[in-house]
Amino acid sequence: MAVTQWELNNHRKDQEEQLLQQYQSLGMDLIDSNTVVNIFAKYNDILRDQKMTAQKGVMPPDQGGEKPWKNGVVAFLTFVGFGAAPLLSFVVLKPFTDNELVMFIGACFMSAIALTFLGIAKAKICGKRNYVRSVGFVLLNGAVAASAAYFLGWML
């Protein structure tokens, strides 16, 4: 962000011209792209953010009231919750059976349930309406990852 700000401070016309060309390459005609760039040029922060997004592919930082520690705690608790789901089957089934196959199938079942909830959450967060497709993709991804981990552990 500092580099883009420096570029705007020291080479403003060149940067505006590059942004103009970027908008034209996206299909905007010359008059409209000139109008947009001239409006953005009045507001330094907006112009900088547009430069970062259009040319560098970097989204400007979110200025919302979100606290990083809160996001970190939620991510940690989610990781622990979903990661512990397969282990719960061993804890719950241990008093009832010593059969490892039954406990393994229970762990697979609990993993599938956790991945299903994760797929539903993914669909809701991303605003997708097709829950079945989202759940299917997450289940497939989880199955491939779990299979790779299982066979790698078995080979070692």
N, C-alpha and C. Protein backbone atom coordinates (compact mmCIF):
# COMPACT_ATOMS: atom_id res chain seq x y z
N MET A 1 0.83 -1.18 0.00
CA MET A 1 0.00 0.00 0.00
C MET A 1 0.88 1.25 0.00
N ALA A 2 2.00 1.19 0.71
CA ALA A 2 2.89 2.34 0.76
C ALA A 2 3.51 2.62 -0.61
N VAL A 3 3.81 1.54 -1.34
CA VAL A 3 4.40 1.72 -2.67
C VAL A 3 3.41 2.41 -3.59
N THR A 4 2.16 1.97 -3.55
CA THR A 4 1.13 2.59 -4.38
C THR A 4 0.94 4.05 -4.00
N GLN A 5 0.95 4.34 -2.70
CA GLN A 5 0.81 5.73 -2.25
C GLN A 5 1.99 6.56 -2.74
N TRP A 6 3.21 6.00 -2.68
CA TRP A 6 4.40 6.72 -3.16
C TRP A 6 4.27 6.98 -4.65
N GLU A 7 3.80 5.97 -5.41
CA GLU A 7 3.62 6.14 -6.85
C GLU A 7 2.63 7.26 -7.14
N LEU A 8 1.54 7.30 -6.38
CA LEU A 8 0.54 8.36 -6.58
C LEU A 8 1.10 9.73 -6.23
N ASN A 9 1.90 9.80 -5.19
CA ASN A 9 2.48 11.09 -4.77
C ASN A 9 3.51 11.60 -5.77
N ASN A 10 4.29 10.71 -6.36
CA ASN A 10 5.41 11.12 -7.20
C ASN A 10 5.16 11.01 -8.71
N HIS A 11 4.23 10.19 -9.10
CA HIS A 11 3.95 9.99 -10.54
C HIS A 11 2.43 9.91 -10.75
N ARG A 12 1.73 10.88 -10.27
CA ARG A 12 0.26 10.83 -10.26
C ARG A 12 -0.32 10.71 -11.67
N LYS A 13 0.13 11.53 -12.61
CA LYS A 13 -0.43 11.50 -13.97
C LYS A 13 -0.21 10.14 -14.63
N ASP A 14 1.00 9.58 -14.44
CA ASP A 14 1.28 8.25 -15.00
C ASP A 14 0.35 7.20 -14.40
N GLN A 15 0.13 7.29 -13.10
CA GLN A 15 -0.74 6.32 -12.42
C GLN A 15 -2.19 6.46 -12.87
N GLU A 16 -2.64 7.69 -13.05
CA GLU A 16 -4.00 7.91 -13.55
C GLU A 16 -4.13 7.37 -14.96
N GLU A 17 -3.11 7.57 -15.78
CA GLU A 17 -3.12 7.07 -17.16
C GLU A 17 -3.16 5.54 -17.17
N GLN A 18 -2.40 4.90 -16.29
CA GLN A 18 -2.41 3.44 -16.23
C GLN A 18 -3.78 2.92 -15.80
N LEU A 19 -4.39 3.59 -14.85
CA LEU A 19 -5.73 3.20 -14.41
C LEU A 19 -6.74 3.39 -15.53
N LEU A 20 -6.59 4.48 -16.29
CA LEU A 20 -7.44 4.75 -17.44
C LEU A 20 -7.32 3.61 -18.46
N GLN A 21 -6.09 3.21 -18.77
CA GLN A 21 -5.87 2.12 -19.71
C GLN A 21 -6.43 0.79 -19.18
N GLN A 22 -6.30 0.59 -17.88
CA GLN A 22 -6.84 -0.63 -17.27
C GLN A 22 -8.35 -0.72 -17.46
N TYR A 23 -9.05 0.39 -17.20
CA TYR A 23 -10.50 0.40 -17.37
C TYR A 23 -10.89 0.22 -18.83
N GLN A 24 -10.13 0.81 -19.74
CA GLN A 24 -10.42 0.64 -21.17
C GLN A 24 -10.20 -0.81 -21.59
N SER A 25 -9.18 -1.46 -21.04
CA SER A 25 -8.94 -2.87 -21.39
C SER A 25 -10.05 -3.78 -20.87
N LEU A 26 -10.78 -3.30 -19.86
CA LEU A 26 -11.92 -4.06 -19.34
C LEU A 26 -13.20 -3.82 -20.13
N GLY A 27 -13.13 -2.93 -21.14
CA GLY A 27 -14.28 -2.69 -22.01
C GLY A 27 -14.97 -1.36 -21.81
N MET A 28 -14.45 -0.51 -20.94
CA MET A 28 -15.06 0.80 -20.72
C MET A 28 -14.60 1.74 -21.83
N ASP A 29 -15.51 2.54 -22.36
CA ASP A 29 -15.08 3.44 -23.43
C ASP A 29 -14.28 4.61 -22.85
N LEU A 30 -13.64 5.38 -23.73
CA LEU A 30 -12.69 6.42 -23.33
C LEU A 30 -13.36 7.49 -22.47
N ILE A 31 -14.53 7.93 -22.86
CA ILE A 31 -15.21 9.01 -22.12
C ILE A 31 -15.57 8.55 -20.71
N ASP A 32 -16.14 7.36 -20.60
CA ASP A 32 -16.53 6.85 -19.29
C ASP A 32 -15.31 6.60 -18.40
N SER A 33 -14.28 6.00 -18.97
CA SER A 33 -13.08 5.74 -18.16
C SER A 33 -12.43 7.04 -17.71
N ASN A 34 -12.42 8.06 -18.58
CA ASN A 34 -11.91 9.38 -18.18
C ASN A 34 -12.72 9.96 -17.03
N THR A 35 -14.04 9.85 -17.14
CA THR A 35 -14.92 10.38 -16.09
C THR A 35 -14.64 9.68 -14.76
N VAL A 36 -14.56 8.36 -14.80
CA VAL A 36 -14.33 7.59 -13.57
C VAL A 36 -12.99 7.94 -12.95
N VAL A 37 -11.94 7.97 -13.75
CA VAL A 37 -10.60 8.28 -13.22
C VAL A 37 -10.55 9.71 -12.69
N ASN A 38 -11.18 10.65 -13.38
CA ASN A 38 -11.20 12.04 -12.90
C ASN A 38 -11.93 12.16 -11.57
N ILE A 39 -13.00 11.42 -11.41
CA ILE A 39 -13.71 11.45 -10.12
C ILE A 39 -12.85 10.82 -9.03
N PHE A 40 -12.24 9.67 -9.32
CA PHE A 40 -11.38 9.02 -8.33
C PHE A 40 -10.18 9.88 -7.98
N ALA A 41 -9.68 10.66 -8.95
CA ALA A 41 -8.50 11.49 -8.71
C ALA A 41 -8.75 12.57 -7.66
N LYS A 42 -10.01 12.92 -7.45
CA LYS A 42 -10.34 13.91 -6.42
C LYS A 42 -10.17 13.35 -5.01
N TYR A 43 -10.23 12.03 -4.90
CA TYR A 43 -10.19 11.37 -3.59
C TYR A 43 -8.99 10.42 -3.56
N ASN A 44 -7.94 10.84 -2.89
CA ASN A 44 -6.67 10.12 -2.91
C ASN A 44 -6.81 8.68 -2.40
N ASP A 45 -7.55 8.48 -1.32
CA ASP A 45 -7.69 7.13 -0.76
C ASP A 45 -8.42 6.20 -1.73
N ILE A 46 -9.47 6.71 -2.36
CA ILE A 46 -10.23 5.89 -3.30
C ILE A 46 -9.37 5.57 -4.52
N LEU A 47 -8.62 6.55 -5.01
CA LEU A 47 -7.75 6.32 -6.16
C LEU A 47 -6.70 5.26 -5.83
N ARG A 48 -6.10 5.36 -4.64
CA ARG A 48 -5.10 4.38 -4.22
C ARG A 48 -5.72 2.98 -4.15
N ASP A 49 -6.90 2.87 -3.55
CA ASP A 49 -7.55 1.57 -3.44
C ASP A 49 -7.89 0.99 -4.81
N GLN A 50 -8.34 1.85 -5.74
CA GLN A 50 -8.64 1.39 -7.09
C GLN A 50 -7.38 0.91 -7.80
N LYS A 51 -6.28 1.61 -7.61
CA LYS A 51 -5.00 1.19 -8.21
C LYS A 51 -4.59 -0.17 -7.66
N MET A 52 -4.71 -0.34 -6.36
CA MET A 52 -4.33 -1.61 -5.75
C MET A 52 -5.19 -2.75 -6.28
N THR A 53 -6.47 -2.50 -6.42
CA THR A 53 -7.38 -3.55 -6.87
C THR A 53 -7.21 -3.84 -8.36
N ALA A 54 -7.17 -2.80 -9.17
CA ALA A 54 -7.15 -2.98 -10.63
C ALA A 54 -5.82 -3.51 -11.14
N GLN A 55 -4.72 -3.02 -10.62
CA GLN A 55 -3.43 -3.37 -11.21
C GLN A 55 -2.64 -4.39 -10.42
N LYS A 56 -2.84 -4.42 -9.12
CA LYS A 56 -2.04 -5.33 -8.31
C LYS A 56 -2.86 -6.50 -7.78
N GLY A 57 -4.18 -6.43 -7.96
CA GLY A 57 -5.04 -7.51 -7.50
C GLY A 57 -5.16 -7.60 -5.99
N VAL A 58 -4.85 -6.52 -5.29
CA VAL A 58 -4.89 -6.50 -3.83
C VAL A 58 -6.12 -5.73 -3.39
N MET A 59 -6.93 -6.37 -2.58
CA MET A 59 -8.11 -5.69 -2.05
C MET A 59 -7.68 -4.75 -0.93
N PRO A 60 -8.29 -3.58 -0.84
CA PRO A 60 -7.95 -2.66 0.25
C PRO A 60 -8.35 -3.26 1.59
N PRO A 61 -7.65 -2.88 2.65
CA PRO A 61 -7.98 -3.44 3.96
C PRO A 61 -9.39 -3.05 4.39
N ASP A 62 -10.04 -3.97 5.07
CA ASP A 62 -11.39 -3.72 5.56
C ASP A 62 -11.32 -2.75 6.73
N GLN A 63 -12.05 -1.68 6.62
CA GLN A 63 -12.02 -0.66 7.66
C GLN A 63 -13.12 -0.88 8.70
N GLY A 64 -13.77 -2.04 8.66
CA GLY A 64 -14.85 -2.32 9.60
C GLY A 64 -14.34 -2.42 11.03
N GLY A 65 -15.25 -2.60 11.95
CA GLY A 65 -14.90 -2.66 13.35
C GLY A 65 -14.43 -4.04 13.79
N GLU A 66 -14.11 -4.93 12.87
CA GLU A 66 -13.69 -6.27 13.22
C GLU A 66 -12.37 -6.25 13.97
N LYS A 67 -12.27 -7.11 14.96
CA LYS A 67 -11.04 -7.22 15.72
C LYS A 67 -10.35 -8.52 15.32
N PRO A 68 -9.06 -8.47 15.01
CA PRO A 68 -8.36 -9.69 14.56
C PRO A 68 -8.36 -10.79 15.62
N TRP A 69 -8.28 -10.43 16.89
CA TRP A 69 -8.25 -11.46 17.92
C TRP A 69 -9.56 -12.24 17.95
N LYS A 70 -10.66 -11.55 17.69
CA LYS A 70 -11.97 -12.21 17.67
C LYS A 70 -12.03 -13.22 16.52
N ASN A 71 -11.55 -12.81 15.35
CA ASN A 71 -11.50 -13.74 14.21
C ASN A 71 -10.60 -14.93 14.51
N GLY A 72 -9.48 -14.67 15.19
CA GLY A 72 -8.56 -15.74 15.55
C GLY A 72 -9.17 -16.72 16.52
N VAL A 73 -9.88 -16.22 17.52
CA VAL A 73 -10.53 -17.10 18.50
C VAL A 73 -11.60 -17.95 17.82
N VAL A 74 -12.40 -17.34 16.96
CA VAL A 74 -13.44 -18.09 16.25
C VAL A 74 -12.81 -19.16 15.36
N ALA A 75 -11.74 -18.81 14.65
CA ALA A 75 -11.06 -19.78 13.78
C ALA A 75 -10.49 -20.93 14.61
N PHE A 76 -9.89 -20.61 15.76
CA PHE A 76 -9.31 -21.65 16.62
C PHE A 76 -10.39 -22.59 17.14
N LEU A 77 -11.48 -22.02 17.66
CA LEU A 77 -12.56 -22.85 18.21
C LEU A 77 -13.21 -23.71 17.13
N THR A 78 -13.35 -23.16 15.94
CA THR A 78 -13.90 -23.93 14.83
C THR A 78 -12.97 -25.08 14.46
N PHE A 79 -11.68 -24.79 14.41
CA PHE A 79 -10.69 -25.82 14.10
C PHE A 79 -10.72 -26.93 15.14
N VAL A 80 -10.77 -26.55 16.42
CA VAL A 80 -10.81 -27.55 17.49
C VAL A 80 -12.11 -28.35 17.41
N GLY A 81 -13.23 -27.67 17.21
CA GLY A 81 -14.52 -28.35 17.15
C GLY A 81 -14.61 -29.35 16.01
N PHE A 82 -14.29 -28.91 14.81
CA PHE A 82 -14.38 -29.80 13.66
C PHE A 82 -13.28 -30.86 13.70
N GLY A 83 -12.12 -30.51 14.23
CA GLY A 83 -11.03 -31.48 14.32
C GLY A 83 -11.28 -32.55 15.35
N ALA A 84 -12.04 -32.22 16.40
CA ALA A 84 -12.32 -33.18 17.46
C ALA A 84 -13.47 -34.12 17.11
N ALA A 85 -14.23 -33.81 16.10
CA ALA A 85 -15.41 -34.63 15.76
C ALA A 85 -15.05 -36.10 15.54
N PRO A 86 -14.04 -36.44 14.76
CA PRO A 86 -13.72 -37.87 14.59
C PRO A 86 -13.25 -38.52 15.90
N LEU A 87 -12.59 -37.77 16.75
CA LEU A 87 -12.11 -38.33 18.01
C LEU A 87 -13.25 -38.62 18.97
N LEU A 88 -14.34 -37.88 18.85
CA LEU A 88 -15.49 -38.10 19.73
C LEU A 88 -16.05 -39.51 19.58
N SER A 89 -15.99 -40.06 18.38
CA SER A 89 -16.51 -41.41 18.20
C SER A 89 -15.72 -42.41 19.03
N PHE A 90 -14.42 -42.24 19.15
CA PHE A 90 -13.62 -43.13 19.97
C PHE A 90 -13.97 -42.97 21.45
N VAL A 91 -14.16 -41.74 21.89
CA VAL A 91 -14.50 -41.48 23.28
C VAL A 91 -15.88 -42.06 23.62
N VAL A 92 -16.83 -41.86 22.72
CA VAL A 92 -18.20 -42.32 22.97
C VAL A 92 -18.31 -43.84 22.85
N LEU A 93 -17.64 -44.44 21.87
CA LEU A 93 -17.79 -45.88 21.63
C LEU A 93 -16.89 -46.75 22.49
N LYS A 94 -15.87 -46.21 23.08
CA LYS A 94 -14.91 -47.01 23.86
C LYS A 94 -15.57 -47.81 24.98
N PRO A 95 -16.52 -47.25 25.75
CA PRO A 95 -17.15 -48.06 26.81
C PRO A 95 -18.02 -49.21 26.27
N PHE A 96 -18.45 -49.11 25.00
CA PHE A 96 -19.37 -50.11 24.46
C PHE A 96 -18.69 -51.21 23.66
N THR A 97 -17.55 -50.91 23.06
CA THR A 97 -16.89 -51.91 22.22
C THR A 97 -15.39 -51.64 22.17
N ASP A 98 -14.66 -52.74 21.96
CA ASP A 98 -13.22 -52.63 21.74
C ASP A 98 -12.88 -52.91 20.28
N ASN A 99 -13.89 -53.13 19.46
CA ASN A 99 -13.70 -53.45 18.06
C ASN A 99 -13.19 -52.20 17.33
N GLU A 100 -11.98 -52.28 16.81
CA GLU A 100 -11.38 -51.13 16.14
C GLU A 100 -12.11 -50.76 14.86
N LEU A 101 -12.65 -51.74 14.16
CA LEU A 101 -13.37 -51.46 12.92
C LEU A 101 -14.62 -50.63 13.20
N VAL A 102 -15.34 -50.98 14.26
CA VAL A 102 -16.54 -50.22 14.61
C VAL A 102 -16.17 -48.78 14.97
N MET A 103 -15.09 -48.63 15.74
CA MET A 103 -14.67 -47.27 16.12
C MET A 103 -14.18 -46.48 14.90
N PHE A 104 -13.50 -47.17 13.96
CA PHE A 104 -13.04 -46.49 12.74
C PHE A 104 -14.23 -46.04 11.90
N ILE A 105 -15.23 -46.90 11.76
CA ILE A 105 -16.43 -46.53 11.00
C ILE A 105 -17.14 -45.37 11.69
N GLY A 106 -17.18 -45.40 13.02
CA GLY A 106 -17.76 -44.28 13.78
C GLY A 106 -17.01 -42.98 13.53
N ALA A 107 -15.67 -43.06 13.47
CA ALA A 107 -14.87 -41.87 13.19
C ALA A 107 -15.14 -41.35 11.78
N CYS A 108 -15.28 -42.26 10.83
CA CYS A 108 -15.61 -41.84 9.45
C CYS A 108 -16.98 -41.17 9.41
N PHE A 109 -17.94 -41.74 10.13
CA PHE A 109 -19.29 -41.18 10.17
C PHE A 109 -19.27 -39.79 10.81
N MET A 110 -18.57 -39.64 11.93
CA MET A 110 -18.49 -38.33 12.59
C MET A 110 -17.77 -37.31 11.70
N SER A 111 -16.75 -37.76 10.98
CA SER A 111 -16.06 -36.86 10.05
C SER A 111 -17.00 -36.39 8.95
N ALA A 112 -17.81 -37.32 8.44
CA ALA A 112 -18.76 -36.95 7.39
C ALA A 112 -19.79 -35.96 7.91
N ILE A 113 -20.25 -36.14 9.14
CA ILE A 113 -21.20 -35.19 9.72
C ILE A 113 -20.55 -33.82 9.88
N ALA A 114 -19.32 -33.79 10.40
CA ALA A 114 -18.62 -32.52 10.58
C ALA A 114 -18.40 -31.83 9.23
N LEU A 115 -18.01 -32.59 8.22
CA LEU A 115 -17.80 -32.01 6.89
C LEU A 115 -19.11 -31.53 6.28
N THR A 116 -20.21 -32.21 6.58
CA THR A 116 -21.52 -31.76 6.10
C THR A 116 -21.87 -30.40 6.69
N PHE A 117 -21.68 -30.26 8.01
CA PHE A 117 -21.93 -28.96 8.64
C PHE A 117 -21.00 -27.89 8.09
N LEU A 118 -19.76 -28.27 7.83
CA LEU A 118 -18.80 -27.32 7.25
C LEU A 118 -19.24 -26.89 5.85
N GLY A 119 -19.75 -27.82 5.06
CA GLY A 119 -20.25 -27.49 3.72
C GLY A 119 -21.45 -26.58 3.76
N ILE A 120 -22.35 -26.81 4.72
CA ILE A 120 -23.51 -25.93 4.88
C ILE A 120 -23.06 -24.53 5.28
N ALA A 121 -22.12 -24.46 6.23
CA ALA A 121 -21.60 -23.16 6.66
C ALA A 121 -20.92 -22.44 5.49
N LYS A 122 -20.17 -23.19 4.68
CA LYS A 122 -19.51 -22.60 3.51
C LYS A 122 -20.53 -22.01 2.55
N ALA A 123 -21.60 -22.74 2.31
CA ALA A 123 -22.64 -22.26 1.39
C ALA A 123 -23.30 -21.00 1.93
N LYS A 124 -23.57 -20.98 3.24
CA LYS A 124 -24.21 -19.79 3.83
C LYS A 124 -23.28 -18.59 3.79
N ILE A 125 -22.02 -18.79 4.15
CA ILE A 125 -21.07 -17.67 4.19
C ILE A 125 -20.82 -17.12 2.79
N CYS A 126 -20.71 -18.02 1.81
CA CYS A 126 -20.44 -17.59 0.43
C CYS A 126 -21.69 -17.13 -0.30
N GLY A 127 -22.85 -17.28 0.31
CA GLY A 127 -24.09 -16.84 -0.32
C GLY A 127 -24.57 -17.75 -1.43
N LYS A 128 -24.14 -19.00 -1.40
CA LYS A 128 -24.57 -19.94 -2.44
C LYS A 128 -25.89 -20.57 -2.03
N ARG A 129 -26.73 -20.80 -3.02
CA ARG A 129 -28.04 -21.38 -2.75
C ARG A 129 -28.02 -22.91 -2.87
N ASN A 130 -27.04 -23.45 -3.57
CA ASN A 130 -26.98 -24.88 -3.80
C ASN A 130 -26.20 -25.56 -2.68
N TYR A 131 -26.91 -25.92 -1.61
CA TYR A 131 -26.27 -26.53 -0.45
C TYR A 131 -25.74 -27.92 -0.77
N VAL A 132 -26.46 -28.67 -1.59
CA VAL A 132 -26.06 -30.03 -1.91
C VAL A 132 -24.70 -30.03 -2.62
N ARG A 133 -24.53 -29.12 -3.54
CA ARG A 133 -23.25 -29.05 -4.27
C ARG A 133 -22.12 -28.64 -3.33
N SER A 134 -22.37 -27.67 -2.47
CA SER A 134 -21.35 -27.21 -1.53
C SER A 134 -20.97 -28.33 -0.56
N VAL A 135 -21.97 -29.02 -0.01
CA VAL A 135 -21.70 -30.13 0.91
C VAL A 135 -20.97 -31.25 0.17
N GLY A 136 -21.39 -31.55 -1.04
CA GLY A 136 -20.72 -32.59 -1.83
C GLY A 136 -19.27 -32.28 -2.08
N PHE A 137 -18.99 -31.02 -2.42
CA PHE A 137 -17.60 -30.63 -2.68
C PHE A 137 -16.75 -30.74 -1.42
N VAL A 138 -17.28 -30.27 -0.29
CA VAL A 138 -16.52 -30.34 0.96
C VAL A 138 -16.33 -31.80 1.39
N LEU A 139 -17.36 -32.63 1.23
CA LEU A 139 -17.22 -34.05 1.55
C LEU A 139 -16.18 -34.73 0.67
N LEU A 140 -16.21 -34.43 -0.62
CA LEU A 140 -15.22 -35.02 -1.53
C LEU A 140 -13.81 -34.56 -1.17
N ASN A 141 -13.66 -33.28 -0.94
CA ASN A 141 -12.35 -32.74 -0.56
C ASN A 141 -11.86 -33.37 0.74
N GLY A 142 -12.75 -33.49 1.73
CA GLY A 142 -12.38 -34.11 3.00
C GLY A 142 -12.05 -35.58 2.85
N ALA A 143 -12.80 -36.28 2.00
CA ALA A 143 -12.54 -37.71 1.78
C ALA A 143 -11.18 -37.93 1.12
N VAL A 144 -10.86 -37.09 0.16
CA VAL A 144 -9.55 -37.21 -0.51
C VAL A 144 -8.43 -36.92 0.49
N ALA A 145 -8.58 -35.86 1.28
CA ALA A 145 -7.55 -35.51 2.26
C ALA A 145 -7.41 -36.59 3.33
N ALA A 146 -8.53 -37.10 3.83
CA ALA A 146 -8.48 -38.14 4.85
C ALA A 146 -7.88 -39.43 4.30
N SER A 147 -8.23 -39.79 3.07
CA SER A 147 -7.68 -40.99 2.44
C SER A 147 -6.18 -40.87 2.26
N ALA A 148 -5.74 -39.71 1.80
CA ALA A 148 -4.30 -39.50 1.62
C ALA A 148 -3.58 -39.59 2.95
N ALA A 149 -4.14 -38.99 4.00
CA ALA A 149 -3.51 -39.05 5.32
C ALA A 149 -3.49 -40.48 5.85
N TYR A 150 -4.58 -41.21 5.67
CA TYR A 150 -4.66 -42.59 6.15
C TYR A 150 -3.62 -43.46 5.46
N PHE A 151 -3.57 -43.39 4.13
CA PHE A 151 -2.64 -44.25 3.39
C PHE A 151 -1.19 -43.85 3.61
N LEU A 152 -0.94 -42.57 3.79
CA LEU A 152 0.42 -42.14 4.09
C LEU A 152 0.85 -42.67 5.46
N GLY A 153 -0.04 -42.59 6.44
CA GLY A 153 0.26 -43.15 7.76
C GLY A 153 0.42 -44.65 7.73
N TRP A 154 -0.38 -45.32 6.92
CA TRP A 154 -0.30 -46.78 6.80
C TRP A 154 1.03 -47.20 6.16
N MET A 155 1.49 -46.41 5.17
CA MET A 155 2.73 -46.74 4.47
C MET A 155 3.95 -46.50 5.35
N LEU A 156 3.87 -45.52 6.23
CA LEU A 156 5.01 -45.23 7.10
C LEU A 156 5.05 -46.23 8.22
